[in-house]
PDB file of N, CA and C in Angstrom:
ATOM      1  N   MET A   1       0.893  -1.181   0.106  1.00  0.00           N
ATOM      2  CA  MET A   1      -0.175  -0.045  -0.155  1.00  0.00           C
ATOM      3  C   MET A   1       0.853   1.329   0.117  1.00  0.00           C
ATOM      4  N   ARG A   2       0.376   2.110  -0.646  1.00  0.00           N
ATOM      5  CA  ARG A   2       1.503   3.304  -0.833  1.00  0.00           C
ATOM      6  C   ARG A   2       0.703   4.436  -0.112  1.00  0.00           C
ATOM      7  N   LEU A   3       1.786   4.973   0.590  1.00  0.00           N
ATOM      8  CA  LEU A   3       1.382   5.999   1.660  1.00  0.00           C
ATOM      9  C   LEU A   3       0.950   7.730   0.950  1.00  0.00           C
ATOM     10  N   SER A   4       1.580   8.075  -0.319  1.00  0.00           N
ATOM     11  CA  SER A   4       1.586   8.961  -1.188  1.00  0.00           C
ATOM     12  C   SER A   4       1.269   8.766  -2.464  1.00  0.00           C
ATOM     13  N   TYR A   5       0.391   9.580  -3.138  1.00  0.00           N
ATOM     14  CA  TYR A   5      -0.334   9.572  -4.227  1.00  0.00           C
ATOM     15  C   TYR A   5       0.165  10.726  -5.233  1.00  0.00           C
ATOM     16  N   GLN A   6       0.892  10.590  -6.019  1.00  0.00           N
ATOM     17  CA  GLN A   6       1.448  11.429  -6.886  1.00  0.00           C
ATOM     18  C   GLN A   6       0.731  12.205  -8.203  1.00  0.00           C
ATOM     19  N   GLY A   7      -0.114  11.270  -8.611  1.00  0.00           N
ATOM     20  CA  GLY A   7      -0.949  11.274  -9.693  1.00  0.00           C
ATOM     21  C   GLY A   7      -1.854  12.163  -9.565  1.00  0.00           C
ATOM     22  N   PRO A   8      -3.077  12.073 -10.524  1.00  0.00           N
ATOM     23  CA  PRO A   8      -3.993  13.047 -11.092  1.00  0.00           C
ATOM     24  C   PRO A   8      -5.282  12.820  -9.910  1.00  0.00           C
ATOM     25  N   LEU A   9      -5.761  13.769  -9.201  1.00  0.00           N
ATOM     26  CA  LEU A   9      -7.165  13.498  -8.779  1.00  0.00           C
ATOM     27  C   LEU A   9      -8.341  13.499  -9.479  1.00  0.00           C
ATOM     28  N   PRO A  10      -9.567  12.658  -9.047  1.00  0.00           N
ATOM     29  CA  PRO A  10      -9.647  11.665  -8.167  1.00  0.00           C
ATOM     30  C   PRO A  10      -9.202  10.414  -9.189  1.00  0.00           C
ATOM     31  N   GLU A  11      -8.379   9.581  -8.378  1.00  0.00           N
ATOM     32  CA  GLU A  11      -7.861   7.995  -8.761  1.00  0.00           C
ATOM     33  C   GLU A  11      -9.078   7.298  -9.267  1.00  0.00           C
ATOM     34  N   MET A  12      -8.791   7.171 -10.034  1.00  0.00           N
ATOM     35  CA  MET A  12      -9.542   6.232 -10.952  1.00  0.00           C
ATOM     36  C   MET A  12      -9.979   4.908 -10.558  1.00  0.00           C
ATOM     37  N   VAL A  13     -10.965   4.080 -10.135  1.00  0.00           N
ATOM     38  CA  VAL A  13     -10.580   2.601 -10.061  1.00  0.00           C
ATOM     39  C   VAL A  13     -11.877   2.065 -10.903  1.00  0.00           C
ATOM     40  N   GLY A  14     -11.522   1.215 -11.732  1.00  0.00           N
ATOM     41  CA  GLY A  14     -12.124   0.429 -12.421  1.00  0.00           C
ATOM     42  C   GLY A  14     -12.885  -1.239 -11.739  1.00  0.00           C
ATOM     43  N   PHE A  15     -14.284  -1.244 -11.713  1.00  0.00           N
ATOM     44  CA  PHE A  15     -14.590  -2.702 -11.157  1.00  0.00           C
ATOM     45  C   PHE A  15     -15.247  -3.423 -12.886  1.00  0.00           C
ATOM     46  N   LEU A  16     -14.439  -4.330 -13.049  1.00  0.00           N
ATOM     47  CA  LEU A  16     -14.868  -5.298 -13.891  1.00  0.00           C
ATOM     48  C   LEU A  16     -16.046  -6.172 -13.176  1.00  0.00           C
ATOM     49  N   LEU A  17     -17.323  -5.975 -13.609  1.00  0.00           N
ATOM     50  CA  LEU A  17     -18.320  -6.883 -12.919  1.00  0.00           C
ATOM     51  C   LEU A  17     -18.447  -8.468 -13.963  1.00  0.00           C
ATOM     52  N   LEU A  18     -18.185  -9.248 -13.466  1.00  0.00           N
ATOM     53  CA  LEU A  18     -18.701 -10.920 -14.090  1.00  0.00           C
ATOM     54  C   LEU A  18     -19.963 -11.093 -13.427  1.00  0.00           C
ATOM     55  N   PRO A  19     -20.928 -12.110 -14.589  1.00  0.00           N
ATOM     56  CA  PRO A  19     -22.290 -12.426 -14.048  1.00  0.00           C
ATOM     57  C   PRO A  19     -22.115 -13.053 -12.586  1.00  0.00           C
ATOM     58  N   GLN A  20     -23.192 -13.035 -12.128  1.00  0.00           N
ATOM     59  CA  GLN A  20     -23.642 -13.380 -10.635  1.00  0.00           C
ATOM     60  C   GLN A  20     -22.422 -12.827  -9.489  1.00  0.00           C
ATOM     61  N   PHE A  21     -21.649 -11.756  -9.530  1.00  0.00           N
ATOM     62  CA  PHE A  21     -20.673 -11.292  -8.883  1.00  0.00           C
ATOM     63  C   PHE A  21     -21.050 -10.924  -7.644  1.00  0.00           C
ATOM     64  N   SER A  22     -20.826 -11.034  -6.321  1.00  0.00           N
ATOM     65  CA  SER A  22     -20.927 -11.021  -5.100  1.00  0.00           C
ATOM     66  C   SER A  22     -20.924  -9.252  -5.088  1.00  0.00           C
ATOM     67  N   MET A  23     -22.510  -8.796  -4.450  1.00  0.00           N
ATOM     68  CA  MET A  23     -22.681  -7.479  -4.486  1.00  0.00           C
ATOM     69  C   MET A  23     -22.171  -7.058  -3.094  1.00  0.00           C
ATOM     70  N   MET A  24     -21.914  -7.829  -2.245  1.00  0.00           N
ATOM     71  CA  MET A  24     -21.300  -7.667  -0.897  1.00  0.00           C
ATOM     72  C   MET A  24     -20.057  -7.374  -0.772  1.00  0.00           C
ATOM     73  N   ALA A  25     -19.264  -8.014  -1.614  1.00  0.00           N
ATOM     74  CA  ALA A  25     -17.654  -7.959  -1.948  1.00  0.00           C
ATOM     75  C   ALA A  25     -17.981  -6.583  -2.708  1.00  0.00           C
ATOM     76  N   PHE A  26     -18.143  -6.407  -3.867  1.00  0.00           N
ATOM     77  CA  PHE A  26     -18.376  -5.255  -4.165  1.00  0.00           C
ATOM     78  C   PHE A  26     -18.340  -3.845  -3.419  1.00  0.00           C
ATOM     79  N   PHE A  27     -19.806  -3.870  -2.690  1.00  0.00           N
ATOM     80  CA  PHE A  27     -19.588  -2.940  -1.792  1.00  0.00           C
ATOM     81  C   PHE A  27     -18.798  -2.515  -0.948  1.00  0.00           C
ATOM     82  N   ALA A  28     -18.184  -3.523   0.101  1.00  0.00           N
ATOM     83  CA  ALA A  28     -16.864  -3.945   0.689  1.00  0.00           C
ATOM     84  C   ALA A  28     -15.714  -3.262  -0.136  1.00  0.00           C
ATOM     85  N   ALA A  29     -15.716  -3.215  -1.631  1.00  0.00           N
ATOM     86  CA  ALA A  29     -14.614  -2.478  -2.336  1.00  0.00           C
ATOM     87  C   ALA A  29     -14.860  -1.388  -2.554  1.00  0.00           C
ATOM     88  N   VAL A  30     -16.320  -0.948  -2.425  1.00  0.00           N
ATOM     89  CA  VAL A  30     -16.552   0.440  -2.938  1.00  0.00           C
ATOM     90  C   VAL A  30     -16.833   1.853  -2.316  1.00  0.00           C
ATOM     91  N   GLU A  31     -17.189   0.778  -0.800  1.00  0.00           N
ATOM     92  CA  GLU A  31     -17.598   1.458   0.735  1.00  0.00           C
ATOM     93  C   GLU A  31     -15.983   2.183   1.160  1.00  0.00           C
ATOM     94  N   PRO A  32     -15.019   1.769   1.149  1.00  0.00           N
ATOM     95  CA  PRO A  32     -13.896   2.661   1.938  1.00  0.00           C
ATOM     96  C   PRO A  32     -13.518   3.805   0.990  1.00  0.00           C
ATOM     97  N   LEU A  33     -13.820   3.730  -0.471  1.00  0.00           N
ATOM     98  CA  LEU A  33     -13.392   4.597  -1.569  1.00  0.00           C
ATOM     99  C   LEU A  33     -14.263   5.714  -1.271  1.00  0.00           C
ATOM    100  N   ARG A  34     -15.519   5.555  -0.849  1.00  0.00           N
ATOM    101  CA  ARG A  34     -16.442   6.449  -0.819  1.00  0.00           C
ATOM    102  C   ARG A  34     -16.468   7.533   0.419  1.00  0.00           C
ATOM    103  N   ILE A  35     -15.870   6.563   1.455  1.00  0.00           N
ATOM    104  CA  ILE A  35     -15.596   7.069   2.836  1.00  0.00           C
ATOM    105  C   ILE A  35     -14.652   7.890   2.601  1.00  0.00           C
ATOM    106  N   ALA A  36     -13.818   7.689   2.229  1.00  0.00           N
ATOM    107  CA  ALA A  36     -12.303   8.447   2.358  1.00  0.00           C
ATOM    108  C   ALA A  36     -12.482  10.121   1.294  1.00  0.00           C
ATOM    109  N   ASN A  37     -12.890  10.038   0.206  1.00  0.00           N
ATOM    110  CA  ASN A  37     -13.574  11.018   0.007  1.00  0.00           C
ATOM    111  C   ASN A  37     -14.922  11.666   0.674  1.00  0.00           C
ATOM    112  N   ARG A  38     -15.663  11.425   1.566  1.00  0.00           N
ATOM    113  CA  ARG A  38     -16.686  12.051   2.473  1.00  0.00           C
ATOM    114  C   ARG A  38     -15.195  12.618   3.620  1.00  0.00           C
ATOM    115  N   ILE A  39     -14.404  11.946   4.034  1.00  0.00           N
ATOM    116  CA  ILE A  39     -13.458  12.434   5.031  1.00  0.00           C
ATOM    117  C   ILE A  39     -12.764  13.604   4.518  1.00  0.00           C
ATOM    118  N   ALA A  40     -12.398  13.560   3.278  1.00  0.00           N
ATOM    119  CA  ALA A  40     -11.228  14.178   2.682  1.00  0.00           C
ATOM    120  C   ALA A  40     -12.223  15.741   2.019  1.00  0.00           C
ATOM    121  N   HIS A  41     -13.249  15.252   2.188  1.00  0.00           N
ATOM    122  CA  HIS A  41     -14.132  16.460   1.737  1.00  0.00           C
ATOM    123  C   HIS A  41     -13.366  17.077   0.281  1.00  0.00           C
ATOM    124  N   ARG A  42     -13.306  16.081  -0.310  1.00  0.00           N
ATOM    125  CA  ARG A  42     -13.031  15.962  -1.491  1.00  0.00           C
ATOM    126  C   ARG A  42     -13.041  14.808  -2.110  1.00  0.00           C
ATOM    127  N   PRO A  43     -13.073  14.774  -3.439  1.00  0.00           N
ATOM    128  CA  PRO A  43     -12.802  13.728  -4.039  1.00  0.00           C
ATOM    129  C   PRO A  43     -11.421  12.977  -4.345  1.00  0.00           C
ATOM    130  N   LEU A  44     -11.240  12.018  -3.937  1.00  0.00           N
ATOM    131  CA  LEU A  44      -9.925  11.155  -4.032  1.00  0.00           C
ATOM    132  C   LEU A  44      -9.840  10.301  -4.680  1.00  0.00           C
ATOM    133  N   PHE A  45     -11.243   9.579  -4.988  1.00  0.00           N
ATOM    134  CA  PHE A  45     -11.698   8.294  -5.729  1.00  0.00           C
ATOM    135  C   PHE A  45     -12.908   8.644  -6.482  1.00  0.00           C
ATOM    136  N   ASP A  46     -12.557   7.963  -7.822  1.00  0.00           N
ATOM    137  CA  ASP A  46     -14.097   7.921  -8.386  1.00  0.00           C
ATOM    138  C   ASP A  46     -13.627   6.353  -9.171  1.00  0.00           C
ATOM    139  N   TRP A  47     -14.764   5.705  -9.698  1.00  0.00           N
ATOM    140  CA  TRP A  47     -14.931   4.101 -10.008  1.00  0.00           C
ATOM    141  C   TRP A  47     -15.690   4.280 -10.880  1.00  0.00           C
ATOM    142  N   THR A  48     -15.370   3.383 -11.857  1.00  0.00           N
ATOM    143  CA  THR A  48     -16.584   3.121 -13.136  1.00  0.00           C
ATOM    144  C   THR A  48     -16.922   1.699 -12.885  1.00  0.00           C
ATOM    145  N   LEU A  49     -17.982   1.033 -13.468  1.00  0.00           N
ATOM    146  CA  LEU A  49     -18.144  -0.472 -13.620  1.00  0.00           C
ATOM    147  C   LEU A  49     -18.321  -0.210 -15.294  1.00  0.00           C
ATOM    148  N   ILE A  50     -17.341  -1.710 -15.101  1.00  0.00           N
ATOM    149  CA  ILE A  50     -16.807  -2.063 -16.554  1.00  0.00           C
ATOM    150  C   ILE A  50     -18.046  -3.653 -16.581  1.00  0.00           C
ATOM    151  N   SER A  51     -18.108  -4.006 -17.718  1.00  0.00           N
ATOM    152  CA  SER A  51     -18.418  -5.626 -18.083  1.00  0.00           C
ATOM    153  C   SER A  51     -18.000  -5.662 -19.496  1.00  0.00           C
ATOM    154  N   ALA A  52     -18.018  -6.648 -19.472  1.00  0.00           N
ATOM    155  CA  ALA A  52     -17.509  -7.261 -20.805  1.00  0.00           C
ATOM    156  C   ALA A  52     -18.220  -6.852 -22.205  1.00  0.00           C
ATOM    157  N   ASP A  53     -19.513  -6.447 -22.452  1.00  0.00           N
ATOM    158  CA  ASP A  53     -20.045  -6.373 -23.516  1.00  0.00           C
ATOM    159  C   ASP A  53     -20.750  -4.714 -23.322  1.00  0.00           C
ATOM    160  N   GLY A  54     -20.359  -4.117 -22.351  1.00  0.00           N
ATOM    161  CA  GLY A  54     -21.005  -2.588 -21.917  1.00  0.00           C
ATOM    162  C   GLY A  54     -22.161  -2.550 -21.436  1.00  0.00           C
ATOM    163  N   GLY A  55     -22.608  -3.348 -20.908  1.00  0.00           N
ATOM    164  CA  GLY A  55     -24.429  -3.574 -20.698  1.00  0.00           C
ATOM    165  C   GLY A  55     -24.294  -4.285 -19.471  1.00  0.00           C
ATOM    166  N   PRO A  56     -25.657  -4.389 -18.737  1.00  0.00           N
ATOM    167  CA  PRO A  56     -26.064  -4.797 -17.531  1.00  0.00           C
ATOM    168  C   PRO A  56     -25.670  -5.905 -17.528  1.00  0.00           C
ATOM    169  N   VAL A  57     -25.069  -5.914 -15.498  1.00  0.00           N
ATOM    170  CA  VAL A  57     -24.576  -7.487 -15.025  1.00  0.00           C
ATOM    171  C   VAL A  57     -25.430  -8.086 -14.030  1.00  0.00           C
ATOM    172  N   THR A  58     -25.477  -8.994 -13.768  1.00  0.00           N
ATOM    173  CA  THR A  58     -26.837  -9.498 -12.915  1.00  0.00           C
ATOM    174  C   THR A  58     -25.736  -9.957 -11.537  1.00  0.00           C
ATOM    175  N   ALA A  59     -26.175  -9.002 -10.513  1.00  0.00           N
ATOM    176  CA  ALA A  59     -24.980 -10.004  -9.337  1.00  0.00           C
ATOM    177  C   ALA A  59     -25.916 -11.263  -8.842  1.00  0.00           C
ATOM    178  N   SER A  60     -25.713 -11.829  -7.964  1.00  0.00           N
ATOM    179  CA  SER A  60     -25.705 -12.816  -7.112  1.00  0.00           C
ATOM    180  C   SER A  60     -27.123 -12.908  -6.288  1.00  0.00           C
ATOM    181  N   ASN A  61     -27.540 -11.377  -6.153  1.00  0.00           N
ATOM    182  CA  ASN A  61     -28.303 -10.924  -5.110  1.00  0.00           C
ATOM    183  C   ASN A  61     -29.604 -10.402  -6.234  1.00  0.00           C
ATOM    184  N   GLY A  62     -29.434 -10.602  -7.408  1.00  0.00           N
ATOM    185  CA  GLY A  62     -30.817  -9.834  -8.384  1.00  0.00           C
ATOM    186  C   GLY A  62     -30.304  -8.674  -8.715  1.00  0.00           C
ATOM    187  N   MET A  63     -29.422  -7.919  -8.300  1.00  0.00           N
ATOM    188  CA  MET A  63     -29.783  -6.613  -8.504  1.00  0.00           C
ATOM    189  C   MET A  63     -28.717  -6.783 -10.049  1.00  0.00           C
ATOM    190  N   THR A  64     -29.328  -5.291 -10.743  1.00  0.00           N
ATOM    191  CA  THR A  64     -28.501  -5.553 -12.204  1.00  0.00           C
ATOM    192  C   THR A  64     -27.707  -3.532 -12.574  1.00  0.00           C
ATOM    193  N   PRO A  65     -26.730  -3.549 -11.913  1.00  0.00           N
ATOM    194  CA  PRO A  65     -26.172  -2.524 -12.543  1.00  0.00           C
ATOM    195  C   PRO A  65     -25.543  -2.362 -13.709  1.00  0.00           C
ATOM    196  N   ASP A  66     -25.510  -1.131 -14.299  1.00  0.00           N
ATOM    197  CA  ASP A  66     -24.928  -0.995 -15.785  1.00  0.00           C
ATOM    198  C   ASP A  66     -23.865  -1.088 -15.828  1.00  0.00           C
ATOM    199  N   GLY A  67     -23.035  -1.597 -16.588  1.00  0.00           N
ATOM    200  CA  GLY A  67     -21.060  -1.337 -17.067  1.00  0.00           C
ATOM    201  C   GLY A  67     -21.165  -1.037 -18.375  1.00  0.00           C
ATOM    202  N   ARG A  68     -20.375  -0.441 -18.487  1.00  0.00           N
ATOM    203  CA  ARG A  68     -19.843   0.500 -19.329  1.00  0.00           C
ATOM    204  C   ARG A  68     -18.616  -0.472 -20.002  1.00  0.00           C
ATOM    205  N   PRO A  69     -18.279  -0.664 -21.716  1.00  0.00           N
ATOM    206  CA  PRO A  69     -17.495  -1.154 -22.070  1.00  0.00           C
ATOM    207  C   PRO A  69     -16.055  -0.700 -21.914  1.00  0.00           C
ATOM    208  N   SER A  70     -15.348  -1.842 -21.854  1.00  0.00           N
ATOM    209  CA  SER A  70     -13.745  -1.143 -21.236  1.00  0.00           C
ATOM    210  C   SER A  70     -13.542  -0.598 -22.411  1.00  0.00           C
ATOM    211  N   ASN A  71     -12.789   0.724 -22.030  1.00  0.00           N
ATOM    212  CA  ASN A  71     -11.879   1.386 -23.347  1.00  0.00           C
ATOM    213  C   ASN A  71     -10.625   0.823 -23.961  1.00  0.00           C
ATOM    214  N   GLY A  72      -9.917  -0.448 -23.537  1.00  0.00           N
ATOM    215  CA  GLY A  72      -9.328  -1.008 -23.660  1.00  0.00           C
ATOM    216  C   GLY A  72      -7.576  -0.145 -23.224  1.00  0.00           C
ATOM    217  N   GLY A  73      -8.147   0.940 -22.506  1.00  0.00           N
ATOM    218  CA  GLY A  73      -6.854   1.489 -22.096  1.00  0.00           C
ATOM    219  C   GLY A  73      -6.171   0.816 -20.814  1.00  0.00           C
ATOM    220  N   GLY A  74      -6.280  -0.371 -21.028  1.00  0.00           N
ATOM    221  CA  GLY A  74      -5.764  -1.187 -19.770  1.00  0.00           C
ATOM    222  C   GLY A  74      -6.695  -2.213 -19.189  1.00  0.00           C
ATOM    223  N   ALA A  75      -6.410  -2.607 -17.907  1.00  0.00           N
ATOM    224  CA  ALA A  75      -7.003  -3.494 -17.028  1.00  0.00           C
ATOM    225  C   ALA A  75      -7.498  -2.797 -15.969  1.00  0.00           C
ATOM    226  N   PRO A  76      -8.971  -3.290 -15.805  1.00  0.00           N
ATOM    227  CA  PRO A  76      -9.416  -2.804 -14.589  1.00  0.00           C
ATOM    228  C   PRO A  76      -8.721  -3.005 -13.606  1.00  0.00           C
ATOM    229  N   SER A  77      -8.823  -2.118 -12.300  1.00  0.00           N
ATOM    230  CA  SER A  77      -8.112  -2.237 -10.704  1.00  0.00           C
ATOM    231  C   SER A  77      -8.644  -3.325 -10.104  1.00  0.00           C
ATOM    232  N   ALA A  78     -10.106  -3.889 -10.649  1.00  0.00           N
ATOM    233  CA  ALA A  78     -10.253  -4.463  -9.547  1.00  0.00           C
ATOM    234  C   ALA A  78     -11.607  -5.534 -10.426  1.00  0.00           C
ATOM    235  N   LEU A  79     -11.869  -6.477  -9.551  1.00  0.00           N
ATOM    236  CA  LEU A  79     -12.663  -7.927 -10.661  1.00  0.00           C
ATOM    237  C   LEU A  79     -13.728  -8.492  -9.460  1.00  0.00           C
ATOM    238  N   ALA A  80     -15.082  -7.953  -9.672  1.00  0.00           N
ATOM    239  CA  ALA A  80     -16.144  -8.243  -8.701  1.00  0.00           C
ATOM    240  C   ALA A  80     -16.531  -9.786  -9.580  1.00  0.00           C
ATOM    241  N   GLY A  81     -16.453 -11.050  -8.658  1.00  0.00           N
ATOM    242  CA  GLY A  81     -16.801 -12.004  -9.491  1.00  0.00           C
ATOM    243  C   GLY A  81     -17.661 -12.688  -8.857  1.00  0.00           C
ATOM    244  N   GLY A  82     -18.115 -13.962  -9.067  1.00  0.00           N
ATOM    245  CA  GLY A  82     -18.846 -14.829  -8.053  1.00  0.00           C
ATOM    246  C   GLY A  82     -18.562 -16.376  -8.002  1.00  0.00           C
ATOM    247  N   VAL A  83     -19.348 -17.115  -7.588  1.00  0.00           N
ATOM    248  CA  VAL A  83     -19.125 -18.125  -7.081  1.00  0.00           C
ATOM    249  C   VAL A  83     -19.478 -19.355  -8.396  1.00  0.00           C
ATOM    250  N   GLN A  84     -21.035 -18.800  -8.892  1.00  0.00           N
ATOM    251  CA  GLN A  84     -21.330 -19.490  -9.747  1.00  0.00           C
ATOM    252  C   GLN A  84     -20.358 -19.777 -10.947  1.00  0.00           C
ATOM    253  N   ARG A  85     -20.384 -21.678 -11.131  1.00  0.00           N
ATOM    254  CA  ARG A  85     -19.314 -21.614 -12.663  1.00  0.00           C
ATOM    255  C   ARG A  85     -20.508 -20.910 -14.049  1.00  0.00           C
ATOM    256  N   LEU A  86     -19.343 -20.373 -14.650  1.00  0.00           N
ATOM    257  CA  LEU A  86     -20.045 -19.727 -15.909  1.00  0.00           C
ATOM    258  C   LEU A  86     -20.049 -21.208 -16.694  1.00  0.00           C
ATOM    259  N   LEU A  87     -21.491 -21.326 -17.801  1.00  0.00           N
ATOM    260  CA  LEU A  87     -21.957 -22.645 -18.537  1.00  0.00           C
ATOM    261  C   LEU A  87     -21.571 -21.912 -19.942  1.00  0.00           C
ATOM    262  N   SER A  88     -21.132 -22.633 -21.182  1.00  0.00           N
ATOM    263  CA  SER A  88     -21.174 -21.965 -22.224  1.00  0.00           C
ATOM    264  C   SER A  88     -22.144 -22.844 -23.343  1.00  0.00           C
TER     265      SER A  88
END
């Protein structure tokens, strides 16, 4: 973990959502970013939701947030997956 950050603010975090991802794990990853912004009284972090096809992705609890397509500018910062096996 770095103690100082010299890049542009807010620091962008991309979450790649996979079908049947755990919403609880996703919220556990996003909430510290949101709280850091609130404590700092300024945006330190921003995040975006990414999906393979740029469309909605259904979580294991049935919620379906919209994802955006990856812009090909690098790998997402985090992966939100699930425990259900993907069938082809």
